[in-house]
Every structure is written in C-alpha cells, then in structure tokens.
Protein backbone atom coordinates (compact mmCIF):
# COMPACT_ATOMS: atom_id res chain seq x y z
CA MET A 1 -57.77 20.76 21.13
CA ALA A 2 -55.80 21.93 24.13
CA ASN A 3 -52.83 24.21 23.63
CA ILE A 4 -50.21 21.88 22.18
CA ALA A 5 -47.74 24.44 20.87
CA GLY A 6 -44.52 22.56 20.33
CA SER A 7 -45.43 19.68 22.61
CA LEU A 8 -46.20 16.80 20.25
CA THR A 9 -43.82 14.03 19.31
CA ILE A 10 -44.04 12.92 15.69
CA GLY A 11 -46.24 9.96 16.67
CA ALA A 12 -48.68 12.13 18.63
CA PHE A 13 -48.59 14.71 15.84
CA ALA A 14 -49.47 12.10 13.24
CA LYS A 15 -52.33 10.83 15.38
CA ALA A 16 -53.67 14.36 15.98
CA ALA A 17 -53.51 15.08 12.24
CA GLY A 18 -55.14 11.74 11.30
CA VAL A 19 -52.20 10.47 9.25
CA ASN A 20 -49.30 8.11 9.80
CA VAL A 21 -45.74 9.06 10.66
CA GLU A 22 -44.51 8.25 7.15
CA THR A 23 -46.99 10.76 5.74
CA ILE A 24 -45.49 13.44 8.00
CA ARG A 25 -41.98 12.56 6.83
CA PHE A 26 -43.10 12.46 3.19
CA TYR A 27 -44.68 15.93 3.47
CA GLN A 28 -41.44 17.21 5.01
CA ARG A 29 -39.38 15.79 2.14
CA LYS A 30 -41.80 17.41 -0.34
CA GLY A 31 -41.45 20.78 1.40
CA LEU A 32 -45.12 20.88 2.40
CA LEU A 33 -44.33 20.76 6.10
CA PRO A 34 -41.37 22.30 7.86
CA GLU A 35 -39.20 20.03 9.95
CA PRO A 36 -38.71 21.56 13.39
CA ASP A 37 -35.27 21.94 14.87
CA LYS A 38 -34.07 19.08 16.99
CA PRO A 39 -32.76 20.38 20.28
CA TYR A 40 -29.46 18.80 21.29
CA GLY A 41 -30.14 15.50 23.02
CA SER A 42 -33.89 15.75 22.53
CA ILE A 43 -36.58 15.01 19.98
CA ARG A 44 -38.41 17.21 17.53
CA ARG A 45 -41.69 18.66 18.73
CA TYR A 46 -44.72 19.75 16.73
CA GLY A 47 -47.63 22.02 17.53
CA GLU A 48 -51.16 23.09 16.56
CA ALA A 49 -49.97 24.96 13.46
CA ASP A 50 -48.34 21.78 12.16
CA VAL A 51 -51.52 19.77 12.75
CA ALA A 52 -53.56 22.46 10.98
CA ARG A 53 -51.16 22.45 8.04
CA VAL A 54 -51.39 18.68 7.56
CA LYS A 55 -55.19 18.86 7.76
CA PHE A 56 -55.09 21.63 5.12
CA VAL A 57 -52.99 19.39 2.84
CA LYS A 58 -55.34 16.43 3.33
CA SER A 59 -58.42 18.59 2.68
CA ALA A 60 -56.91 19.91 -0.54
CA GLN A 61 -56.01 16.37 -1.64
CA ARG A 62 -59.59 15.22 -1.03
CA LEU A 63 -60.66 17.93 -3.48
CA GLY A 64 -58.35 16.42 -6.07
CA PHE A 65 -55.39 18.81 -5.80
CA SER A 66 -52.00 17.21 -6.44
CA LEU A 67 -49.20 17.78 -3.94
CA ASP A 68 -47.62 20.32 -6.31
CA GLU A 69 -50.94 22.17 -6.48
CA VAL A 70 -51.24 21.96 -2.70
CA ALA A 71 -47.82 23.60 -2.41
CA GLY A 72 -49.20 26.49 -4.47
CA LEU A 73 -52.25 26.73 -2.23
CA LEU A 74 -50.05 26.72 0.86
CA ARG A 75 -48.31 29.82 -0.46
CA LEU A 76 -51.75 31.45 -0.50
CA GLU A 77 -52.77 30.05 2.87
CA ASP A 78 -53.19 33.40 4.62
CA GLY A 79 -56.18 34.13 2.38
CA ALA A 80 -54.93 37.54 1.27
CA LEU A 81 -54.65 36.49 -2.39
CA CYS A 82 -58.14 35.11 -2.90
CA ASP A 83 -58.09 35.82 -6.66
CA GLU A 84 -55.06 33.57 -7.11
CA ALA A 85 -56.70 30.83 -5.04
CA ARG A 86 -59.87 31.19 -7.14
CA VAL A 87 -57.87 30.77 -10.35
CA LEU A 88 -56.34 27.54 -9.01
CA ALA A 89 -59.79 26.31 -7.97
CA GLU A 90 -61.23 27.18 -11.40
CA GLN A 91 -58.46 25.21 -13.08
CA LYS A 92 -59.15 22.23 -10.82
CA LEU A 93 -62.88 22.53 -11.51
CA GLY A 94 -62.16 22.44 -15.25
CA ASP A 95 -60.03 19.33 -14.76
CA VAL A 96 -62.79 17.65 -12.75
CA ARG A 97 -65.41 18.50 -15.36
CA GLY A 98 -63.15 17.08 -18.07
CA LYS A 99 -62.70 13.87 -16.11
CA LEU A 100 -66.45 13.64 -15.56
CA ALA A 101 -67.02 13.98 -19.31
CA ASP A 102 -64.43 11.26 -19.94
CA LEU A 103 -66.09 8.99 -17.37
CA GLN A 104 -69.51 9.57 -18.93
CA ARG A 105 -68.10 8.69 -22.35
CA ILE A 106 -66.47 5.54 -20.93
CA GLU A 107 -69.72 4.62 -19.19
CA GLY A 108 -71.62 4.92 -22.46
CA VAL A 109 -69.14 2.77 -24.38
CA LEU A 110 -69.05 0.11 -21.66
CA ALA A 111 -72.85 0.08 -21.37
CA ARG A 112 -73.12 -0.45 -25.14
CA LEU A 113 -70.50 -3.22 -25.08
CA VAL A 114 -72.18 -4.97 -22.15
CA HIS A 115 -75.49 -4.75 -24.00
CA ASP A 116 -73.86 -6.08 -27.17
CA CYS A 117 -72.33 -8.97 -25.22
CA CYS A 118 -75.72 -9.88 -23.74
CA ALA A 119 -77.42 -9.64 -27.13
CA ASN A 120 -74.82 -11.70 -29.00
CA HIS A 121 -75.87 -15.26 -28.10
CA GLY A 122 -74.44 -18.00 -30.24
CA THR A 123 -71.74 -15.93 -31.96
CA VAL A 124 -68.10 -16.91 -31.86
CA SER A 125 -66.54 -13.55 -31.12
CA CYS A 126 -67.31 -11.43 -28.08
CA PRO A 127 -68.08 -7.80 -28.97
CA LEU A 128 -66.08 -6.55 -25.95
CA ILE A 129 -62.97 -8.53 -26.87
CA VAL A 130 -63.30 -7.60 -30.55
CA SER A 131 -63.61 -3.94 -29.57
CA LEU A 132 -60.54 -4.06 -27.33
CA HIS A 133 -58.55 -5.62 -30.16
CA GLY A 134 -59.36 -2.53 -32.19
CA ASP A 135 -61.44 -4.28 -34.86
CA ASN A 136 -64.46 -2.23 -33.83
CA GLN A 137 -62.94 0.73 -31.99
CA PRO A 138 -65.38 2.18 -29.41
CA ARG A 139 -66.10 5.91 -29.38
C-alpha cells in the first residue's frame, strides 16, 4: 500500500480496511479506534495505522475474540507483554475447546434422535418432539 498517512476519507479508509463505514464508526464508539481530529472546514482523514488497527480487530474477531477481549489485546499490541497476550489466548483456547465439546455432545444427541426418528415407523409420537418436550430428556 502506498504511503497514505492521514490521506484517507472514511469511505476510502473503510474500503482499504475491508469493512463498511458503519463498522468504522462502531469501532470508534467502542473505543477500539481513535477518531481523528476534524480540521476546521474540512473532513477527518485516516492513515495506514488506522487501516492496520481495523485489520487487527477483524483478525482477532475471526479467532473468536469478543470486542471487549480485542480491546484488551489492543492494549498489548506492541508485543512487549507477550505473556499477557498468551494468557488471553489460552483463555480463548479453553473457551473454544469447551464449545467444541458442547457441539460434539449436541451432535451425538441429534444423531441419536435422527436415528430414533428413522427407526420409529408406525408410532404416534416422534422421538425428537417427545425429547424436546422433556419427556425423554437428551443427554
């Protein structure tokens, strides 16, 4: 990218960062992105550092970090406090592993219910519906 220090309008900034203008404004309201000064009679301008910051936020979100967690990572952005960043990543990894375990449990229950539905020809009550009513609570 050419040197764009302080030369981008919000629309060009959003395009360079791969987001829409409302995302930029939302990040500013959340304190994730500073809002540049508006020179008298002119418009706000953004630069390479702003684009990099938005890309950082989006990368962190793709890894499952919430915006509050991203704010914590942004405070560690210079890389000097790697141990603190590692702790945040370990916590996120634990969360992801917990969600995976939950999804595997859900998959097992749904697979069993689908099997039960297919095997229950001629009965009046559907095993899935009965289970959801709590008569045969899945585990």
